Each structure stands twice: as structure tokens, then as C-alpha cells.
Amino acid sequence: MKKILLIGLLGIALFGYFDKNVQTTQIVQNVFAADISASNSASASNSALQNAIDNQQSKVQVAGSGDVIKVLADDLKGSRHQRFILKIASGGTLLVAHNIDLAPRINGLNVGDTVEFYGVYEFNYKGGVIHWTHHDPRGQHIGGWLKHNGSTYQ
């Protein structure tokens, strides 16, 4: 009787051990799949931007990120825009024109900072411009945004 009880307890212990390892493996696989999905999503956004640049397209909704290489003076003609230049992963540069009449400015923006963006790309021979990085008060255009140091500006 003791042998049967001992074998039963050993079986329960082994079942618990293997069940825990299966659950851990599933969790790791799910996390890995989520990382791949996020990476693919970022890659799709970056490829949409690169496609617009390569094909000299304008009025294309894109997302991406880059490092600030120059902070420019605000454009004060008409709607006010905070302006800065990003260097993106491909090595190209983009001018970001962020409407500060409709969205908060990024205070403390410095050369070397990373900025993520979602907005409209307009081609030019200097690399292009990203604008519509804010909400549309009329609700007729897709809202854009900028992300810097954990804050979103829209």
C-alpha cells in the first residue's frame, strides 16, 4: 500500500512539474510571438515610410522614429510649428513640422533625443517633411502624434 501511495505522490509531483514547464514554455512562446508582432508592425510602418521616400510620394500616413540632429526655430508664419530634423534608420533626414497651435510643444527637446512619430509624409529632395502630428479639431483627418521621453504630444 505504501508503494502505491508513494508512486501516486511521485506521479502527482511529476505531473505538476511538467505542467508548470509547459505553461512556462507557452508564456515564453506568447511573449516571443508578441515581440515578433510588434517588430513586424514597426517594420511595416518603417517600410511604408521608406516606400514613400523611395517613390517620392506625398500625402502618405506613416509612422517611424529618428534621432534629433538639429532643433530649428519655430515657424511663426500662419499656424505656429515647432520644427526639428530627425535622422532615421536608413540614414535619411526628415523635417518634422509639429503644429503647436493644436498640440503641445515638446519642451526640452535636444540633439540626440529619439522621437517617434505618426503623421503625414510629404516628399522633398532634402528627405521630406512629417506634419499632421496632432489631432484634427474638425475630426476629418487621422490624428497624428509625437512621442518623446515617455510622453505623447497630439
N, C-alpha and C. Protein backbone atom coordinates (compact mmCIF):
# COMPACT_ATOMS: atom_id res chain seq x y z
N MET A 1 0.81 -1.18 0.00
CA MET A 1 0.00 0.00 0.00
C MET A 1 0.86 1.26 0.00
N LYS A 2 1.96 1.22 0.79
CA LYS A 2 2.86 2.36 0.84
C LYS A 2 3.48 2.63 -0.52
N LYS A 3 3.81 1.54 -1.26
CA LYS A 3 4.41 1.69 -2.58
C LYS A 3 3.43 2.38 -3.53
N ILE A 4 2.18 2.00 -3.50
CA ILE A 4 1.18 2.60 -4.37
C ILE A 4 1.01 4.08 -4.03
N LEU A 5 0.97 4.40 -2.73
CA LEU A 5 0.84 5.80 -2.30
C LEU A 5 2.06 6.60 -2.74
N LEU A 6 3.26 6.03 -2.58
CA LEU A 6 4.49 6.71 -2.97
C LEU A 6 4.52 6.93 -4.48
N ILE A 7 4.15 5.95 -5.27
CA ILE A 7 4.11 6.07 -6.72
C ILE A 7 3.09 7.14 -7.13
N GLY A 8 1.94 7.15 -6.46
CA GLY A 8 0.90 8.16 -6.75
C GLY A 8 1.39 9.57 -6.47
N LEU A 9 2.04 9.77 -5.31
CA LEU A 9 2.58 11.10 -4.98
C LEU A 9 3.66 11.52 -5.95
N LEU A 10 4.52 10.57 -6.32
CA LEU A 10 5.56 10.86 -7.29
C LEU A 10 4.94 11.24 -8.64
N GLY A 11 3.89 10.56 -9.04
CA GLY A 11 3.20 10.87 -10.29
C GLY A 11 2.58 12.27 -10.26
N ILE A 12 1.97 12.63 -9.13
CA ILE A 12 1.37 13.96 -8.99
C ILE A 12 2.47 15.03 -9.06
N ALA A 13 3.58 14.78 -8.38
CA ALA A 13 4.69 15.74 -8.38
C ALA A 13 5.24 15.92 -9.79
N LEU A 14 5.44 14.81 -10.52
CA LEU A 14 5.95 14.90 -11.89
C LEU A 14 4.95 15.63 -12.80
N PHE A 15 3.68 15.33 -12.64
CA PHE A 15 2.65 16.00 -13.44
C PHE A 15 2.70 17.51 -13.20
N GLY A 16 2.79 17.92 -11.93
CA GLY A 16 2.87 19.34 -11.60
C GLY A 16 4.11 19.99 -12.18
N TYR A 17 5.23 19.29 -12.12
CA TYR A 17 6.48 19.82 -12.67
C TYR A 17 6.37 20.02 -14.17
N PHE A 18 5.91 18.99 -14.89
CA PHE A 18 5.82 19.09 -16.35
C PHE A 18 4.74 20.07 -16.77
N ASP A 19 3.64 20.13 -16.05
CA ASP A 19 2.58 21.09 -16.37
C ASP A 19 3.09 22.51 -16.22
N LYS A 20 3.87 22.77 -15.17
CA LYS A 20 4.44 24.10 -14.95
C LYS A 20 5.39 24.46 -16.08
N ASN A 21 6.23 23.49 -16.52
CA ASN A 21 7.17 23.75 -17.61
C ASN A 21 6.43 24.00 -18.92
N VAL A 22 5.34 23.28 -19.16
CA VAL A 22 4.55 23.51 -20.37
C VAL A 22 3.96 24.91 -20.33
N GLN A 23 3.41 25.33 -19.18
CA GLN A 23 2.85 26.68 -19.06
C GLN A 23 3.92 27.73 -19.26
N THR A 24 5.09 27.53 -18.67
CA THR A 24 6.20 28.48 -18.82
C THR A 24 6.62 28.56 -20.27
N THR A 25 6.71 27.42 -20.94
CA THR A 25 7.07 27.41 -22.35
C THR A 25 6.03 28.16 -23.17
N GLN A 26 4.75 27.96 -22.87
CA GLN A 26 3.70 28.67 -23.60
C GLN A 26 3.79 30.17 -23.36
N ILE A 27 4.07 30.58 -22.13
CA ILE A 27 4.21 32.01 -21.83
C ILE A 27 5.37 32.59 -22.61
N VAL A 28 6.51 31.90 -22.61
CA VAL A 28 7.68 32.38 -23.35
C VAL A 28 7.36 32.47 -24.84
N GLN A 29 6.67 31.46 -25.38
CA GLN A 29 6.30 31.49 -26.79
C GLN A 29 5.36 32.65 -27.09
N ASN A 30 4.39 32.92 -26.19
CA ASN A 30 3.46 34.02 -26.40
C ASN A 30 4.18 35.36 -26.35
N VAL A 31 5.10 35.53 -25.42
CA VAL A 31 5.87 36.78 -25.32
C VAL A 31 6.71 36.94 -26.57
N PHE A 32 7.36 35.86 -27.02
CA PHE A 32 8.18 35.92 -28.22
C PHE A 32 7.32 36.28 -29.43
N ALA A 33 6.13 35.68 -29.54
CA ALA A 33 5.23 35.99 -30.65
C ALA A 33 4.78 37.44 -30.60
N ALA A 34 4.52 37.97 -29.41
CA ALA A 34 4.13 39.37 -29.27
C ALA A 34 5.26 40.29 -29.69
N ASP A 35 6.51 39.93 -29.33
CA ASP A 35 7.66 40.73 -29.74
C ASP A 35 7.81 40.73 -31.26
N ILE A 36 7.61 39.58 -31.87
CA ILE A 36 7.70 39.49 -33.33
C ILE A 36 6.60 40.33 -33.96
N SER A 37 5.39 40.25 -33.41
CA SER A 37 4.27 41.03 -33.94
C SER A 37 4.55 42.52 -33.84
N ALA A 38 5.05 42.98 -32.69
CA ALA A 38 5.37 44.41 -32.53
C ALA A 38 6.49 44.80 -33.47
N SER A 39 7.47 43.92 -33.63
CA SER A 39 8.58 44.19 -34.53
C SER A 39 8.09 44.27 -35.97
N ASN A 40 7.20 43.35 -36.35
CA ASN A 40 6.65 43.37 -37.70
C ASN A 40 5.83 44.63 -37.93
N SER A 41 5.08 45.07 -36.91
CA SER A 41 4.28 46.28 -37.02
C SER A 41 5.19 47.49 -37.21
N ALA A 42 6.27 47.56 -36.42
CA ALA A 42 7.23 48.66 -36.57
C ALA A 42 7.89 48.59 -37.94
N SER A 43 8.23 47.37 -38.38
CA SER A 43 8.84 47.21 -39.69
C SER A 43 7.90 47.64 -40.79
N ALA A 44 6.61 47.32 -40.65
CA ALA A 44 5.63 47.72 -41.66
C ALA A 44 5.53 49.24 -41.72
N SER A 45 5.54 49.89 -40.55
CA SER A 45 5.49 51.35 -40.52
C SER A 45 6.72 51.94 -41.16
N ASN A 46 7.89 51.42 -40.78
CA ASN A 46 9.13 51.93 -41.35
C ASN A 46 9.20 51.66 -42.84
N SER A 47 8.70 50.51 -43.29
CA SER A 47 8.74 50.22 -44.72
C SER A 47 7.77 51.11 -45.48
N ALA A 48 6.64 51.49 -44.89
CA ALA A 48 5.72 52.43 -45.54
C ALA A 48 6.40 53.78 -45.72
N LEU A 49 7.11 54.22 -44.70
CA LEU A 49 7.86 55.47 -44.78
C LEU A 49 8.94 55.35 -45.84
N GLN A 50 9.72 54.28 -45.79
CA GLN A 50 10.80 54.12 -46.76
C GLN A 50 10.26 54.01 -48.18
N ASN A 51 9.12 53.35 -48.33
CA ASN A 51 8.49 53.23 -49.65
C ASN A 51 8.08 54.61 -50.17
N ALA A 52 7.52 55.45 -49.30
CA ALA A 52 7.12 56.80 -49.70
C ALA A 52 8.35 57.62 -50.10
N ILE A 53 9.44 57.47 -49.35
CA ILE A 53 10.67 58.20 -49.67
C ILE A 53 11.22 57.71 -51.01
N ASP A 54 11.34 56.40 -51.16
CA ASP A 54 11.92 55.82 -52.37
C ASP A 54 11.12 56.17 -53.62
N ASN A 55 9.80 56.24 -53.48
CA ASN A 55 8.92 56.50 -54.62
C ASN A 55 8.49 57.96 -54.73
N GLN A 56 9.11 58.81 -53.93
CA GLN A 56 8.85 60.25 -53.96
C GLN A 56 7.35 60.55 -53.86
N GLN A 57 6.69 59.88 -52.92
CA GLN A 57 5.25 60.05 -52.72
C GLN A 57 4.99 61.09 -51.64
N SER A 58 3.84 61.71 -51.71
CA SER A 58 3.40 62.66 -50.70
C SER A 58 2.01 62.29 -50.22
N LYS A 59 1.60 62.92 -49.12
CA LYS A 59 0.29 62.69 -48.52
C LYS A 59 0.13 61.23 -48.11
N VAL A 60 1.20 60.65 -47.52
CA VAL A 60 1.19 59.26 -47.08
C VAL A 60 1.26 59.24 -45.56
N GLN A 61 0.31 58.55 -44.93
CA GLN A 61 0.29 58.41 -43.47
C GLN A 61 1.36 57.40 -43.09
N VAL A 62 2.30 57.83 -42.23
CA VAL A 62 3.43 56.97 -41.87
C VAL A 62 3.72 57.06 -40.38
N ALA A 63 4.46 56.09 -39.90
CA ALA A 63 4.96 56.09 -38.53
C ALA A 63 6.44 55.74 -38.60
N GLY A 64 7.17 56.16 -37.60
CA GLY A 64 8.58 55.85 -37.55
C GLY A 64 9.22 56.52 -36.36
N SER A 65 10.53 56.54 -36.38
CA SER A 65 11.27 57.22 -35.32
C SER A 65 12.61 57.66 -35.87
N GLY A 66 13.22 58.57 -35.15
CA GLY A 66 14.54 59.04 -35.55
C GLY A 66 15.18 59.80 -34.41
N ASP A 67 16.43 60.13 -34.61
CA ASP A 67 17.19 60.88 -33.62
C ASP A 67 17.28 62.33 -34.06
N VAL A 68 17.06 63.23 -33.12
CA VAL A 68 17.12 64.66 -33.41
C VAL A 68 18.56 65.03 -33.74
N ILE A 69 18.77 65.63 -34.93
CA ILE A 69 20.11 66.10 -35.28
C ILE A 69 20.18 67.62 -35.31
N LYS A 70 19.00 68.28 -35.33
CA LYS A 70 19.00 69.74 -35.29
C LYS A 70 17.64 70.22 -34.81
N VAL A 71 17.66 71.15 -33.87
CA VAL A 71 16.43 71.80 -33.40
C VAL A 71 16.41 73.18 -34.06
N LEU A 72 15.36 73.45 -34.81
CA LEU A 72 15.23 74.71 -35.55
C LEU A 72 14.34 75.69 -34.80
N ALA A 73 14.38 76.93 -35.22
CA ALA A 73 13.48 77.94 -34.66
C ALA A 73 12.05 77.60 -35.09
N ASP A 74 11.09 77.98 -34.25
CA ASP A 74 9.68 77.77 -34.60
C ASP A 74 9.33 78.55 -35.87
N ASP A 75 8.46 77.97 -36.68
CA ASP A 75 7.89 78.66 -37.83
C ASP A 75 6.68 79.42 -37.29
N LEU A 76 6.70 80.74 -37.36
CA LEU A 76 5.64 81.57 -36.78
C LEU A 76 4.72 82.17 -37.82
N LYS A 77 4.89 81.81 -39.10
CA LYS A 77 4.02 82.32 -40.15
C LYS A 77 2.78 81.44 -40.23
N GLY A 78 1.59 82.05 -40.10
CA GLY A 78 0.36 81.27 -40.08
C GLY A 78 0.28 80.48 -38.79
N SER A 79 -0.12 79.22 -38.90
CA SER A 79 -0.13 78.35 -37.72
C SER A 79 1.30 78.14 -37.26
N ARG A 80 1.52 78.21 -35.97
CA ARG A 80 2.87 78.06 -35.42
C ARG A 80 3.27 76.58 -35.40
N HIS A 81 4.51 76.32 -35.80
CA HIS A 81 5.02 74.96 -35.84
C HIS A 81 6.39 74.87 -35.16
N GLN A 82 6.53 73.89 -34.29
CA GLN A 82 7.84 73.54 -33.74
C GLN A 82 8.52 72.70 -34.82
N ARG A 83 9.79 73.01 -35.09
CA ARG A 83 10.48 72.32 -36.19
C ARG A 83 11.80 71.73 -35.70
N PHE A 84 12.07 70.53 -36.17
CA PHE A 84 13.35 69.87 -35.89
C PHE A 84 13.60 68.83 -36.96
N ILE A 85 14.86 68.44 -37.08
CA ILE A 85 15.26 67.47 -38.10
C ILE A 85 15.65 66.16 -37.42
N LEU A 86 15.10 65.07 -37.96
CA LEU A 86 15.40 63.72 -37.47
C LEU A 86 16.26 62.98 -38.48
N LYS A 87 17.17 62.19 -37.97
CA LYS A 87 17.89 61.23 -38.81
C LYS A 87 17.25 59.88 -38.55
N ILE A 88 16.77 59.24 -39.61
CA ILE A 88 16.08 57.95 -39.48
C ILE A 88 17.05 56.81 -39.75
N ALA A 89 16.61 55.59 -39.48
CA ALA A 89 17.47 54.41 -39.55
C ALA A 89 18.13 54.23 -40.92
N SER A 90 17.45 54.61 -41.99
CA SER A 90 18.01 54.44 -43.33
C SER A 90 19.16 55.41 -43.59
N GLY A 91 19.34 56.39 -42.70
CA GLY A 91 20.39 57.39 -42.87
C GLY A 91 19.86 58.70 -43.43
N GLY A 92 18.61 58.69 -43.89
CA GLY A 92 18.00 59.91 -44.41
C GLY A 92 17.55 60.84 -43.30
N THR A 93 17.13 62.02 -43.70
CA THR A 93 16.65 63.00 -42.72
C THR A 93 15.24 63.44 -43.06
N LEU A 94 14.52 63.83 -42.02
CA LEU A 94 13.16 64.33 -42.15
C LEU A 94 13.01 65.61 -41.34
N LEU A 95 12.32 66.58 -41.89
CA LEU A 95 11.93 67.76 -41.15
C LEU A 95 10.59 67.45 -40.50
N VAL A 96 10.48 67.64 -39.20
CA VAL A 96 9.20 67.49 -38.51
C VAL A 96 8.66 68.89 -38.28
N ALA A 97 7.41 69.12 -38.73
CA ALA A 97 6.73 70.40 -38.53
C ALA A 97 5.50 70.10 -37.67
N HIS A 98 5.62 70.34 -36.38
CA HIS A 98 4.61 69.98 -35.38
C HIS A 98 3.79 71.22 -35.01
N ASN A 99 2.51 71.21 -35.33
CA ASN A 99 1.63 72.37 -35.11
C ASN A 99 1.40 72.59 -33.61
N ILE A 100 2.00 73.66 -33.08
CA ILE A 100 1.89 73.94 -31.65
C ILE A 100 0.72 74.87 -31.33
N ASP A 101 -0.10 75.20 -32.35
CA ASP A 101 -1.38 75.86 -32.07
C ASP A 101 -2.44 74.80 -31.75
N LEU A 102 -2.21 73.56 -32.19
CA LEU A 102 -3.17 72.47 -31.97
C LEU A 102 -2.70 71.40 -31.01
N ALA A 103 -1.42 71.36 -30.74
CA ALA A 103 -0.86 70.33 -29.86
C ALA A 103 0.25 70.94 -29.03
N PRO A 104 0.53 70.35 -27.87
CA PRO A 104 1.61 70.91 -27.03
C PRO A 104 2.97 70.74 -27.70
N ARG A 105 3.83 71.70 -27.45
CA ARG A 105 5.20 71.62 -27.94
C ARG A 105 5.97 70.61 -27.09
N ILE A 106 7.03 70.06 -27.65
CA ILE A 106 7.93 69.20 -26.90
C ILE A 106 8.94 70.10 -26.23
N ASN A 107 8.79 70.30 -24.94
CA ASN A 107 9.75 71.11 -24.19
C ASN A 107 10.99 70.27 -23.89
N GLY A 108 12.13 70.90 -23.90
CA GLY A 108 13.37 70.20 -23.55
C GLY A 108 13.86 69.27 -24.64
N LEU A 109 13.47 69.50 -25.88
CA LEU A 109 13.93 68.66 -26.99
C LEU A 109 15.39 69.02 -27.30
N ASN A 110 16.24 68.01 -27.36
CA ASN A 110 17.67 68.24 -27.57
C ASN A 110 18.21 67.36 -28.68
N VAL A 111 19.31 67.81 -29.27
CA VAL A 111 20.02 66.98 -30.25
C VAL A 111 20.40 65.67 -29.57
N GLY A 112 20.18 64.58 -30.28
CA GLY A 112 20.48 63.25 -29.74
C GLY A 112 19.26 62.54 -29.18
N ASP A 113 18.18 63.28 -28.90
CA ASP A 113 16.95 62.66 -28.39
C ASP A 113 16.30 61.83 -29.48
N THR A 114 15.60 60.79 -29.09
CA THR A 114 14.83 59.98 -30.03
C THR A 114 13.37 60.43 -29.98
N VAL A 115 12.77 60.58 -31.15
CA VAL A 115 11.37 60.96 -31.26
C VAL A 115 10.67 59.96 -32.18
N GLU A 116 9.56 59.41 -31.69
CA GLU A 116 8.69 58.58 -32.53
C GLU A 116 7.63 59.49 -33.12
N PHE A 117 7.13 59.15 -34.30
CA PHE A 117 6.13 60.00 -34.93
C PHE A 117 5.09 59.18 -35.67
N TYR A 118 3.92 59.79 -35.82
CA TYR A 118 2.84 59.27 -36.65
C TYR A 118 2.22 60.49 -37.29
N GLY A 119 2.34 60.58 -38.60
CA GLY A 119 1.84 61.76 -39.29
C GLY A 119 1.85 61.55 -40.79
N VAL A 120 1.78 62.65 -41.52
CA VAL A 120 1.73 62.60 -42.97
C VAL A 120 3.10 62.98 -43.53
N TYR A 121 3.59 62.14 -44.45
CA TYR A 121 4.86 62.38 -45.10
C TYR A 121 4.63 63.14 -46.40
N GLU A 122 5.46 64.17 -46.61
CA GLU A 122 5.47 64.93 -47.87
C GLU A 122 6.89 64.86 -48.41
N PHE A 123 7.03 64.40 -49.63
CA PHE A 123 8.35 64.27 -50.25
C PHE A 123 8.95 65.63 -50.58
N ASN A 124 10.25 65.76 -50.38
CA ASN A 124 11.05 66.82 -50.99
C ASN A 124 12.46 66.28 -51.16
N TYR A 125 13.29 66.99 -51.90
CA TYR A 125 14.62 66.46 -52.21
C TYR A 125 15.61 66.56 -51.06
N LYS A 126 15.20 67.11 -49.94
CA LYS A 126 16.06 67.14 -48.75
C LYS A 126 15.74 65.97 -47.83
N GLY A 127 14.77 65.14 -48.17
CA GLY A 127 14.41 63.98 -47.36
C GLY A 127 12.92 63.89 -47.10
N GLY A 128 12.29 65.04 -46.92
CA GLY A 128 10.84 65.05 -46.73
C GLY A 128 10.45 65.72 -45.43
N VAL A 129 9.14 65.90 -45.29
CA VAL A 129 8.56 66.57 -44.14
C VAL A 129 7.50 65.66 -43.53
N ILE A 130 7.47 65.64 -42.22
CA ILE A 130 6.38 64.97 -41.49
C ILE A 130 5.55 66.06 -40.84
N HIS A 131 4.25 66.07 -41.13
CA HIS A 131 3.34 67.01 -40.48
C HIS A 131 2.06 66.27 -40.11
N TRP A 132 1.03 66.97 -39.66
CA TRP A 132 -0.18 66.35 -39.11
C TRP A 132 0.19 65.44 -37.94
N THR A 133 1.06 65.92 -37.08
CA THR A 133 1.47 65.17 -35.89
C THR A 133 0.65 65.62 -34.69
N HIS A 134 -0.62 65.85 -34.93
CA HIS A 134 -1.54 66.36 -33.91
C HIS A 134 -2.94 65.87 -34.23
N HIS A 135 -3.87 66.13 -33.34
CA HIS A 135 -5.27 65.77 -33.58
C HIS A 135 -5.88 66.75 -34.60
N ASP A 136 -6.99 66.36 -35.20
CA ASP A 136 -7.72 67.25 -36.10
C ASP A 136 -8.94 67.75 -35.34
N PRO A 137 -8.99 69.05 -35.02
CA PRO A 137 -10.12 69.56 -34.26
C PRO A 137 -11.45 69.41 -35.00
N ARG A 138 -11.40 69.26 -36.31
CA ARG A 138 -12.63 69.07 -37.11
C ARG A 138 -13.01 67.60 -37.24
N GLY A 139 -12.09 66.72 -36.86
CA GLY A 139 -12.37 65.28 -36.92
C GLY A 139 -12.43 64.72 -38.32
N GLN A 140 -11.80 65.40 -39.28
CA GLN A 140 -11.86 64.95 -40.68
C GLN A 140 -10.57 64.29 -41.14
N HIS A 141 -9.55 64.32 -40.30
CA HIS A 141 -8.25 63.77 -40.67
C HIS A 141 -7.77 62.84 -39.56
N ILE A 142 -7.04 61.83 -39.94
CA ILE A 142 -6.46 60.93 -38.94
C ILE A 142 -5.53 61.73 -38.04
N GLY A 143 -5.71 61.58 -36.74
CA GLY A 143 -4.86 62.29 -35.80
C GLY A 143 -3.47 61.68 -35.75
N GLY A 144 -2.47 62.54 -35.66
CA GLY A 144 -1.10 62.07 -35.54
C GLY A 144 -0.57 62.36 -34.15
N TRP A 145 0.70 62.06 -33.92
CA TRP A 145 1.32 62.27 -32.61
C TRP A 145 2.84 62.24 -32.71
N LEU A 146 3.45 62.73 -31.67
CA LEU A 146 4.89 62.58 -31.45
C LEU A 146 5.06 61.98 -30.07
N LYS A 147 6.08 61.14 -29.90
CA LYS A 147 6.41 60.57 -28.58
C LYS A 147 7.86 60.89 -28.27
N HIS A 148 8.06 61.41 -27.06
CA HIS A 148 9.40 61.80 -26.63
C HIS A 148 9.51 61.58 -25.12
N ASN A 149 10.51 60.84 -24.71
CA ASN A 149 10.76 60.57 -23.29
C ASN A 149 9.51 60.11 -22.54
N GLY A 150 8.74 59.21 -23.13
CA GLY A 150 7.59 58.64 -22.47
C GLY A 150 6.32 59.46 -22.53
N SER A 151 6.37 60.64 -23.14
CA SER A 151 5.17 61.48 -23.26
C SER A 151 4.71 61.53 -24.71
N THR A 152 3.39 61.61 -24.88
CA THR A 152 2.81 61.71 -26.22
C THR A 152 2.26 63.10 -26.41
N TYR A 153 2.55 63.68 -27.56
CA TYR A 153 2.11 65.04 -27.93
C TYR A 153 1.20 64.93 -29.13
N GLN A 154 -0.09 65.30 -28.92
CA GLN A 154 -1.04 65.16 -30.00
C GLN A 154 -2.08 66.25 -29.94
